[in-house]
Amino acid sequence: MRFSTREDIAAPIEVVFGAVSDFNGFERAAMRRGVDVVRTDELKNPGAGMTWKAQFPFRNRTRNANLKLVDYDPSNGLELFTRSSGIESSLVIDLVALSRNRTRMNLSLDLRPKTIPGRLMIQSLRLAKATLNKRFRKRVADFAENVEERYGPPAA
């Protein structure tokens, strides 16, 4: 199952990449929502190979997830691979500079079941795909708006 969206952001590509690669900020946001997140790699600088373990409640059960940063390209985007409860997912964020102060962010999330319970979960998500797609796009649009607000209006 795949979710994808595209947002044009009124900020330079470096600013947008800084926002999508703010791993410490995402860890803190997840912890505020009740997710236990632990970084498990020894890398000093952000880059491919960063890994995390996460534990979170979902549908009255505690779920475990292993996350790995597969691709990290400051000029183009990143890819994050996740394995959790019989489902593997790949989050790909591609950035394209439209102009000096405008960036297009293409974001896609691909979910693939690997077990029978994973297939059942994906099937239940398919039944609500329209609602989930709308929520996904709203969250990405909110993120893009937040990046624009932090960057501020371009100087004239």
N, C-alpha and C. Protein backbone atom coordinates (compact mmCIF):
# COMPACT_ATOMS: atom_id res chain seq x y z
N MET A 1 0.85 -1.17 0.00
CA MET A 1 0.00 0.00 0.00
C MET A 1 0.89 1.23 0.00
N ARG A 2 0.52 2.21 -0.79
CA ARG A 2 1.38 3.37 -0.95
C ARG A 2 0.61 4.67 -0.72
N PHE A 3 1.27 5.58 -0.01
CA PHE A 3 0.77 6.93 0.18
C PHE A 3 1.83 7.86 -0.40
N SER A 4 1.39 8.87 -1.14
CA SER A 4 2.37 9.83 -1.65
C SER A 4 1.72 11.20 -1.79
N THR A 5 2.55 12.20 -1.69
CA THR A 5 2.09 13.57 -1.85
C THR A 5 3.26 14.45 -2.25
N ARG A 6 2.93 15.66 -2.67
CA ARG A 6 3.94 16.62 -3.10
C ARG A 6 3.57 17.98 -2.53
N GLU A 7 4.55 18.68 -2.00
CA GLU A 7 4.33 20.02 -1.45
C GLU A 7 5.40 20.95 -1.97
N ASP A 8 4.99 22.15 -2.37
CA ASP A 8 5.94 23.20 -2.73
C ASP A 8 6.12 24.09 -1.50
N ILE A 9 7.36 24.29 -1.10
CA ILE A 9 7.66 25.00 0.14
C ILE A 9 8.45 26.26 -0.20
N ALA A 10 8.02 27.38 0.37
CA ALA A 10 8.69 28.66 0.13
C ALA A 10 9.90 28.79 1.05
N ALA A 11 10.92 27.99 0.76
CA ALA A 11 12.18 28.01 1.52
C ALA A 11 13.25 27.35 0.66
N PRO A 12 14.52 27.73 0.87
CA PRO A 12 15.60 27.09 0.10
C PRO A 12 15.72 25.61 0.43
N ILE A 13 16.29 24.85 -0.49
CA ILE A 13 16.41 23.41 -0.32
C ILE A 13 17.21 23.05 0.93
N GLU A 14 18.21 23.85 1.29
CA GLU A 14 19.02 23.56 2.48
C GLU A 14 18.17 23.64 3.74
N VAL A 15 17.27 24.62 3.80
CA VAL A 15 16.38 24.78 4.95
C VAL A 15 15.42 23.61 5.05
N VAL A 16 14.85 23.22 3.91
CA VAL A 16 13.89 22.10 3.90
C VAL A 16 14.59 20.81 4.28
N PHE A 17 15.80 20.57 3.74
CA PHE A 17 16.52 19.36 4.11
C PHE A 17 16.86 19.36 5.60
N GLY A 18 17.22 20.52 6.13
CA GLY A 18 17.48 20.62 7.57
C GLY A 18 16.26 20.23 8.39
N ALA A 19 15.08 20.60 7.92
CA ALA A 19 13.84 20.27 8.65
C ALA A 19 13.51 18.78 8.54
N VAL A 20 13.66 18.19 7.35
CA VAL A 20 13.31 16.77 7.20
C VAL A 20 14.37 15.86 7.80
N SER A 21 15.56 16.40 8.08
CA SER A 21 16.61 15.58 8.70
C SER A 21 16.89 15.99 10.14
N ASP A 22 15.93 16.63 10.78
CA ASP A 22 16.06 16.99 12.20
C ASP A 22 15.67 15.78 13.04
N PHE A 23 16.57 14.80 13.08
CA PHE A 23 16.26 13.53 13.74
C PHE A 23 16.03 13.70 15.24
N ASN A 24 16.80 14.58 15.88
CA ASN A 24 16.60 14.81 17.32
C ASN A 24 15.22 15.40 17.58
N GLY A 25 14.79 16.30 16.73
CA GLY A 25 13.46 16.89 16.86
C GLY A 25 12.36 15.85 16.69
N PHE A 26 12.52 14.95 15.71
CA PHE A 26 11.53 13.90 15.50
C PHE A 26 11.51 12.92 16.67
N GLU A 27 12.69 12.63 17.24
CA GLU A 27 12.75 11.74 18.42
C GLU A 27 11.98 12.37 19.57
N ARG A 28 12.21 13.67 19.82
CA ARG A 28 11.50 14.35 20.92
C ARG A 28 9.99 14.38 20.67
N ALA A 29 9.59 14.64 19.43
CA ALA A 29 8.15 14.67 19.10
C ALA A 29 7.51 13.30 19.33
N ALA A 30 8.23 12.23 18.95
CA ALA A 30 7.71 10.88 19.16
C ALA A 30 7.58 10.58 20.65
N MET A 31 8.57 10.99 21.44
CA MET A 31 8.51 10.75 22.88
C MET A 31 7.34 11.49 23.52
N ARG A 32 7.06 12.70 23.03
CA ARG A 32 5.90 13.45 23.56
C ARG A 32 4.59 12.73 23.27
N ARG A 33 4.57 11.89 22.24
CA ARG A 33 3.36 11.15 21.88
C ARG A 33 3.34 9.75 22.48
N GLY A 34 4.27 9.46 23.39
CA GLY A 34 4.25 8.18 24.09
C GLY A 34 5.06 7.07 23.45
N VAL A 35 5.92 7.40 22.50
CA VAL A 35 6.76 6.40 21.84
C VAL A 35 8.12 6.39 22.55
N ASP A 36 8.60 5.21 22.90
CA ASP A 36 9.94 5.07 23.45
C ASP A 36 10.90 4.90 22.29
N VAL A 37 11.81 5.87 22.11
CA VAL A 37 12.74 5.85 20.99
C VAL A 37 14.16 5.82 21.53
N VAL A 38 14.97 4.90 21.00
CA VAL A 38 16.38 4.81 21.38
C VAL A 38 17.22 4.72 20.11
N ARG A 39 18.19 5.60 20.00
CA ARG A 39 19.11 5.52 18.86
C ARG A 39 20.12 4.42 19.15
N THR A 40 20.35 3.54 18.17
CA THR A 40 21.17 2.36 18.41
C THR A 40 22.48 2.33 17.62
N ASP A 41 22.80 3.40 16.89
CA ASP A 41 24.05 3.40 16.13
C ASP A 41 25.09 4.23 16.88
N GLU A 42 26.30 4.21 16.38
CA GLU A 42 27.40 4.95 16.99
C GLU A 42 27.91 6.09 16.11
N LEU A 43 27.16 6.46 15.08
CA LEU A 43 27.61 7.50 14.16
C LEU A 43 27.65 8.85 14.86
N LYS A 44 28.69 9.62 14.58
CA LYS A 44 28.84 10.96 15.17
C LYS A 44 28.04 12.00 14.38
N ASN A 45 28.04 11.88 13.05
CA ASN A 45 27.32 12.82 12.20
C ASN A 45 26.15 12.13 11.53
N PRO A 46 25.09 12.87 11.21
CA PRO A 46 23.96 12.26 10.51
C PRO A 46 24.40 11.66 9.19
N GLY A 47 23.86 10.50 8.87
CA GLY A 47 24.20 9.87 7.60
C GLY A 47 23.57 8.50 7.48
N ALA A 48 23.72 7.90 6.31
CA ALA A 48 23.19 6.57 6.06
C ALA A 48 23.78 5.61 7.09
N GLY A 49 22.94 4.74 7.62
CA GLY A 49 23.38 3.79 8.63
C GLY A 49 22.87 4.12 10.02
N MET A 50 22.27 5.30 10.20
CA MET A 50 21.70 5.64 11.50
C MET A 50 20.54 4.67 11.78
N THR A 51 20.43 4.20 13.02
CA THR A 51 19.37 3.25 13.36
C THR A 51 18.71 3.65 14.68
N TRP A 52 17.45 3.26 14.82
CA TRP A 52 16.68 3.50 16.03
C TRP A 52 15.84 2.27 16.34
N LYS A 53 15.51 2.11 17.62
CA LYS A 53 14.51 1.14 18.05
C LYS A 53 13.40 1.95 18.69
N ALA A 54 12.17 1.59 18.38
CA ALA A 54 11.03 2.30 18.93
C ALA A 54 10.02 1.30 19.47
N GLN A 55 9.33 1.70 20.51
CA GLN A 55 8.28 0.88 21.12
C GLN A 55 7.09 1.79 21.36
N PHE A 56 5.91 1.37 20.90
CA PHE A 56 4.74 2.23 20.98
C PHE A 56 3.47 1.40 21.09
N PRO A 57 2.44 1.97 21.74
CA PRO A 57 1.16 1.27 21.80
C PRO A 57 0.35 1.52 20.53
N PHE A 58 -0.22 0.45 19.98
CA PHE A 58 -1.08 0.57 18.81
C PHE A 58 -2.09 -0.55 18.85
N ARG A 59 -3.36 -0.20 18.81
CA ARG A 59 -4.46 -1.17 18.86
C ARG A 59 -4.34 -2.10 20.06
N ASN A 60 -4.17 -1.51 21.22
CA ASN A 60 -4.14 -2.22 22.50
C ASN A 60 -2.99 -3.20 22.64
N ARG A 61 -1.93 -3.02 21.86
CA ARG A 61 -0.74 -3.86 21.99
C ARG A 61 0.49 -2.98 21.89
N THR A 62 1.56 -3.43 22.52
CA THR A 62 2.82 -2.73 22.39
C THR A 62 3.53 -3.26 21.15
N ARG A 63 3.90 -2.35 20.27
CA ARG A 63 4.57 -2.72 19.02
C ARG A 63 6.02 -2.28 19.08
N ASN A 64 6.87 -3.02 18.42
CA ASN A 64 8.29 -2.69 18.32
C ASN A 64 8.62 -2.38 16.87
N ALA A 65 9.47 -1.41 16.67
CA ALA A 65 9.88 -1.04 15.31
C ALA A 65 11.38 -0.82 15.28
N ASN A 66 11.99 -1.26 14.21
CA ASN A 66 13.41 -0.99 13.93
C ASN A 66 13.47 -0.08 12.73
N LEU A 67 14.15 1.05 12.87
CA LEU A 67 14.25 2.03 11.80
C LEU A 67 15.70 2.16 11.37
N LYS A 68 15.91 2.32 10.07
CA LYS A 68 17.26 2.49 9.54
C LYS A 68 17.25 3.54 8.45
N LEU A 69 18.17 4.48 8.54
CA LEU A 69 18.33 5.49 7.51
C LEU A 69 19.16 4.86 6.39
N VAL A 70 18.51 4.60 5.26
CA VAL A 70 19.14 3.88 4.15
C VAL A 70 19.90 4.83 3.24
N ASP A 71 19.33 5.99 2.97
CA ASP A 71 19.95 6.95 2.05
C ASP A 71 19.89 8.33 2.68
N TYR A 72 20.99 9.07 2.60
CA TYR A 72 21.08 10.41 3.17
C TYR A 72 21.88 11.27 2.21
N ASP A 73 21.17 12.07 1.42
CA ASP A 73 21.81 12.92 0.42
C ASP A 73 21.33 14.35 0.64
N PRO A 74 22.17 15.20 1.28
CA PRO A 74 21.74 16.56 1.63
C PRO A 74 21.24 17.40 0.46
N SER A 75 21.63 17.08 -0.76
CA SER A 75 21.15 17.89 -1.87
C SER A 75 19.87 17.35 -2.50
N ASN A 76 19.48 16.11 -2.13
CA ASN A 76 18.32 15.51 -2.79
C ASN A 76 17.26 14.94 -1.86
N GLY A 77 17.60 14.47 -0.69
CA GLY A 77 16.60 13.89 0.20
C GLY A 77 17.14 12.72 0.99
N LEU A 78 16.22 11.88 1.44
CA LEU A 78 16.62 10.74 2.27
C LEU A 78 15.60 9.62 2.15
N GLU A 79 16.00 8.43 2.63
CA GLU A 79 15.12 7.27 2.66
C GLU A 79 15.27 6.57 3.99
N LEU A 80 14.13 6.25 4.61
CA LEU A 80 14.10 5.58 5.91
C LEU A 80 13.35 4.26 5.76
N PHE A 81 13.97 3.17 6.21
CA PHE A 81 13.37 1.84 6.15
C PHE A 81 12.94 1.44 7.56
N THR A 82 11.73 0.89 7.68
CA THR A 82 11.21 0.47 8.99
C THR A 82 10.66 -0.94 8.91
N ARG A 83 10.92 -1.71 9.96
CA ARG A 83 10.34 -3.05 10.09
C ARG A 83 9.62 -3.09 11.43
N SER A 84 8.31 -3.41 11.38
CA SER A 84 7.52 -3.43 12.60
C SER A 84 6.34 -4.38 12.46
N SER A 85 6.18 -5.28 13.39
CA SER A 85 4.99 -6.14 13.49
C SER A 85 4.55 -6.74 12.15
N GLY A 86 5.47 -7.33 11.42
CA GLY A 86 5.11 -7.99 10.17
C GLY A 86 4.91 -7.07 9.00
N ILE A 87 5.27 -5.79 9.16
CA ILE A 87 5.12 -4.83 8.07
C ILE A 87 6.46 -4.13 7.86
N GLU A 88 6.88 -4.06 6.62
CA GLU A 88 8.06 -3.29 6.27
C GLU A 88 7.59 -2.04 5.54
N SER A 89 8.22 -0.92 5.85
CA SER A 89 7.84 0.31 5.18
C SER A 89 9.08 1.07 4.73
N SER A 90 8.90 1.83 3.70
CA SER A 90 9.97 2.66 3.16
C SER A 90 9.41 4.07 2.98
N LEU A 91 10.05 5.03 3.62
CA LEU A 91 9.67 6.43 3.50
C LEU A 91 10.75 7.12 2.68
N VAL A 92 10.36 7.66 1.54
CA VAL A 92 11.30 8.34 0.65
C VAL A 92 10.90 9.80 0.54
N ILE A 93 11.86 10.67 0.82
CA ILE A 93 11.65 12.11 0.70
C ILE A 93 12.62 12.62 -0.35
N ASP A 94 12.08 13.11 -1.46
CA ASP A 94 12.90 13.69 -2.53
C ASP A 94 12.68 15.19 -2.53
N LEU A 95 13.78 15.93 -2.62
CA LEU A 95 13.71 17.39 -2.66
C LEU A 95 14.23 17.89 -4.00
N VAL A 96 13.53 18.86 -4.56
CA VAL A 96 13.93 19.46 -5.84
C VAL A 96 13.87 20.97 -5.67
N ALA A 97 14.97 21.64 -5.98
CA ALA A 97 15.00 23.10 -5.90
C ALA A 97 14.29 23.67 -7.13
N LEU A 98 13.18 24.35 -6.91
CA LEU A 98 12.45 24.98 -8.01
C LEU A 98 13.05 26.35 -8.34
N SER A 99 13.52 27.03 -7.30
CA SER A 99 14.23 28.30 -7.45
C SER A 99 15.08 28.46 -6.19
N ARG A 100 15.70 29.61 -6.03
CA ARG A 100 16.56 29.80 -4.88
C ARG A 100 15.79 29.71 -3.56
N ASN A 101 14.55 30.18 -3.55
CA ASN A 101 13.74 30.20 -2.32
C ASN A 101 12.49 29.35 -2.41
N ARG A 102 12.49 28.34 -3.26
CA ARG A 102 11.32 27.47 -3.41
C ARG A 102 11.79 26.04 -3.63
N THR A 103 11.22 25.13 -2.87
CA THR A 103 11.61 23.72 -2.94
C THR A 103 10.38 22.85 -3.05
N ARG A 104 10.45 21.85 -3.90
CA ARG A 104 9.37 20.86 -4.00
C ARG A 104 9.79 19.62 -3.22
N MET A 105 8.91 19.19 -2.32
CA MET A 105 9.16 17.99 -1.52
C MET A 105 8.19 16.91 -1.99
N ASN A 106 8.74 15.81 -2.51
CA ASN A 106 7.95 14.64 -2.89
C ASN A 106 8.15 13.62 -1.78
N LEU A 107 7.07 13.16 -1.20
CA LEU A 107 7.15 12.24 -0.08
C LEU A 107 6.29 11.02 -0.40
N SER A 108 6.86 9.83 -0.25
CA SER A 108 6.08 8.61 -0.47
C SER A 108 6.37 7.61 0.64
N LEU A 109 5.33 6.94 1.06
CA LEU A 109 5.40 5.91 2.09
C LEU A 109 4.83 4.64 1.50
N ASP A 110 5.65 3.60 1.47
CA ASP A 110 5.24 2.33 0.90
C ASP A 110 5.22 1.29 2.01
N LEU A 111 4.04 0.69 2.26
CA LEU A 111 3.88 -0.33 3.30
C LEU A 111 3.74 -1.70 2.65
N ARG A 112 4.53 -2.67 3.12
CA ARG A 112 4.49 -4.04 2.57
C ARG A 112 4.34 -5.04 3.70
N PRO A 113 3.29 -5.86 3.66
CA PRO A 113 3.13 -6.88 4.71
C PRO A 113 4.12 -8.02 4.50
N LYS A 114 4.63 -8.59 5.60
CA LYS A 114 5.56 -9.71 5.52
C LYS A 114 5.04 -10.94 6.26
N THR A 115 3.94 -10.79 6.99
CA THR A 115 3.34 -11.92 7.71
C THR A 115 1.83 -11.87 7.53
N ILE A 116 1.15 -12.94 7.94
CA ILE A 116 -0.32 -12.96 7.85
C ILE A 116 -0.94 -11.84 8.70
N PRO A 117 -0.53 -11.65 9.98
CA PRO A 117 -1.09 -10.52 10.73
C PRO A 117 -0.79 -9.17 10.06
N GLY A 118 0.38 -9.06 9.43
CA GLY A 118 0.70 -7.84 8.70
C GLY A 118 -0.24 -7.63 7.53
N ARG A 119 -0.57 -8.72 6.83
CA ARG A 119 -1.52 -8.62 5.71
C ARG A 119 -2.90 -8.17 6.20
N LEU A 120 -3.30 -8.71 7.35
CA LEU A 120 -4.60 -8.31 7.91
C LEU A 120 -4.62 -6.84 8.27
N MET A 121 -3.51 -6.36 8.84
CA MET A 121 -3.45 -4.94 9.21
C MET A 121 -3.49 -4.06 7.97
N ILE A 122 -2.73 -4.42 6.94
CA ILE A 122 -2.73 -3.64 5.70
C ILE A 122 -4.12 -3.67 5.06
N GLN A 123 -4.77 -4.82 5.12
CA GLN A 123 -6.11 -4.92 4.55
C GLN A 123 -7.08 -3.99 5.27
N SER A 124 -6.98 -3.92 6.59
CA SER A 124 -7.87 -3.01 7.33
C SER A 124 -7.53 -1.56 7.00
N LEU A 125 -6.26 -1.26 6.74
CA LEU A 125 -5.88 0.10 6.34
C LEU A 125 -6.42 0.44 4.96
N ARG A 126 -6.46 -0.56 4.07
CA ARG A 126 -6.98 -0.33 2.72
C ARG A 126 -8.45 0.09 2.75
N LEU A 127 -9.19 -0.45 3.71
CA LEU A 127 -10.61 -0.10 3.82
C LEU A 127 -10.80 1.37 4.16
N ALA A 128 -9.81 1.96 4.84
CA ALA A 128 -9.90 3.36 5.23
C ALA A 128 -8.90 4.22 4.47
N LYS A 129 -8.50 3.77 3.28
CA LYS A 129 -7.42 4.44 2.55
C LYS A 129 -7.74 5.91 2.25
N ALA A 130 -8.95 6.21 1.87
CA ALA A 130 -9.29 7.59 1.53
C ALA A 130 -9.09 8.51 2.73
N THR A 131 -9.55 8.09 3.89
CA THR A 131 -9.39 8.88 5.11
C THR A 131 -7.93 8.99 5.50
N LEU A 132 -7.21 7.88 5.43
CA LEU A 132 -5.78 7.89 5.78
C LEU A 132 -4.98 8.75 4.81
N ASN A 133 -5.31 8.69 3.54
CA ASN A 133 -4.62 9.51 2.54
C ASN A 133 -4.83 11.00 2.82
N LYS A 134 -6.07 11.34 3.18
CA LYS A 134 -6.38 12.74 3.49
C LYS A 134 -5.58 13.20 4.70
N ARG A 135 -5.51 12.35 5.75
CA ARG A 135 -4.74 12.67 6.95
C ARG A 135 -3.25 12.80 6.65
N PHE A 136 -2.73 11.88 5.83
CA PHE A 136 -1.33 11.89 5.44
C PHE A 136 -0.99 13.20 4.74
N ARG A 137 -1.80 13.58 3.78
CA ARG A 137 -1.56 14.81 3.03
C ARG A 137 -1.66 16.05 3.92
N LYS A 138 -2.59 16.02 4.86
CA LYS A 138 -2.75 17.15 5.79
C LYS A 138 -1.52 17.28 6.68
N ARG A 139 -1.01 16.16 7.19
CA ARG A 139 0.19 16.20 8.04
C ARG A 139 1.39 16.74 7.27
N VAL A 140 1.56 16.30 6.04
CA VAL A 140 2.69 16.77 5.23
C VAL A 140 2.53 18.26 4.92
N ALA A 141 1.30 18.69 4.61
CA ALA A 141 1.05 20.11 4.34
C ALA A 141 1.32 20.95 5.59
N ASP A 142 0.93 20.45 6.76
CA ASP A 142 1.21 21.15 8.02
C ASP A 142 2.71 21.26 8.26
N PHE A 143 3.43 20.18 7.97
CA PHE A 143 4.89 20.21 8.11
C PHE A 143 5.49 21.26 7.19
N ALA A 144 5.05 21.29 5.93
CA ALA A 144 5.56 22.26 4.96
C ALA A 144 5.27 23.69 5.42
N GLU A 145 4.08 23.91 5.94
CA GLU A 145 3.70 25.23 6.43
C GLU A 145 4.58 25.63 7.62
N ASN A 146 4.87 24.67 8.49
CA ASN A 146 5.72 24.93 9.64
C ASN A 146 7.13 25.32 9.19
N VAL A 147 7.66 24.64 8.18
CA VAL A 147 8.99 24.97 7.65
C VAL A 147 8.99 26.38 7.09
N GLU A 148 7.95 26.73 6.36
CA GLU A 148 7.85 28.07 5.80
C GLU A 148 7.79 29.13 6.89
N GLU A 149 7.03 28.87 7.95
CA GLU A 149 6.92 29.82 9.06
C GLU A 149 8.26 30.01 9.75
N ARG A 150 9.01 28.93 9.95
CA ARG A 150 10.31 29.03 10.61
C ARG A 150 11.32 29.75 9.73
N TYR A 151 11.23 29.56 8.42
CA TYR A 151 12.15 30.22 7.51
C TYR A 151 11.85 31.71 7.40
N GLY A 152 10.59 32.05 7.42
CA GLY A 152 10.18 33.45 7.30
C GLY A 152 10.11 33.90 5.86
N PRO A 153 9.57 35.08 5.63
CA PRO A 153 9.45 35.58 4.24
C PRO A 153 10.82 35.91 3.69
N PRO A 154 11.01 35.64 2.39
CA PRO A 154 12.31 35.99 1.78
C PRO A 154 12.56 37.49 1.80
N ALA A 155 13.79 37.88 2.03
CA ALA A 155 14.14 39.30 2.07
C ALA A 155 14.05 39.89 0.66
N ALA A 156 13.45 41.07 0.58
CA ALA A 156 13.26 41.70 -0.72
C ALA A 156 14.41 42.65 -1.04
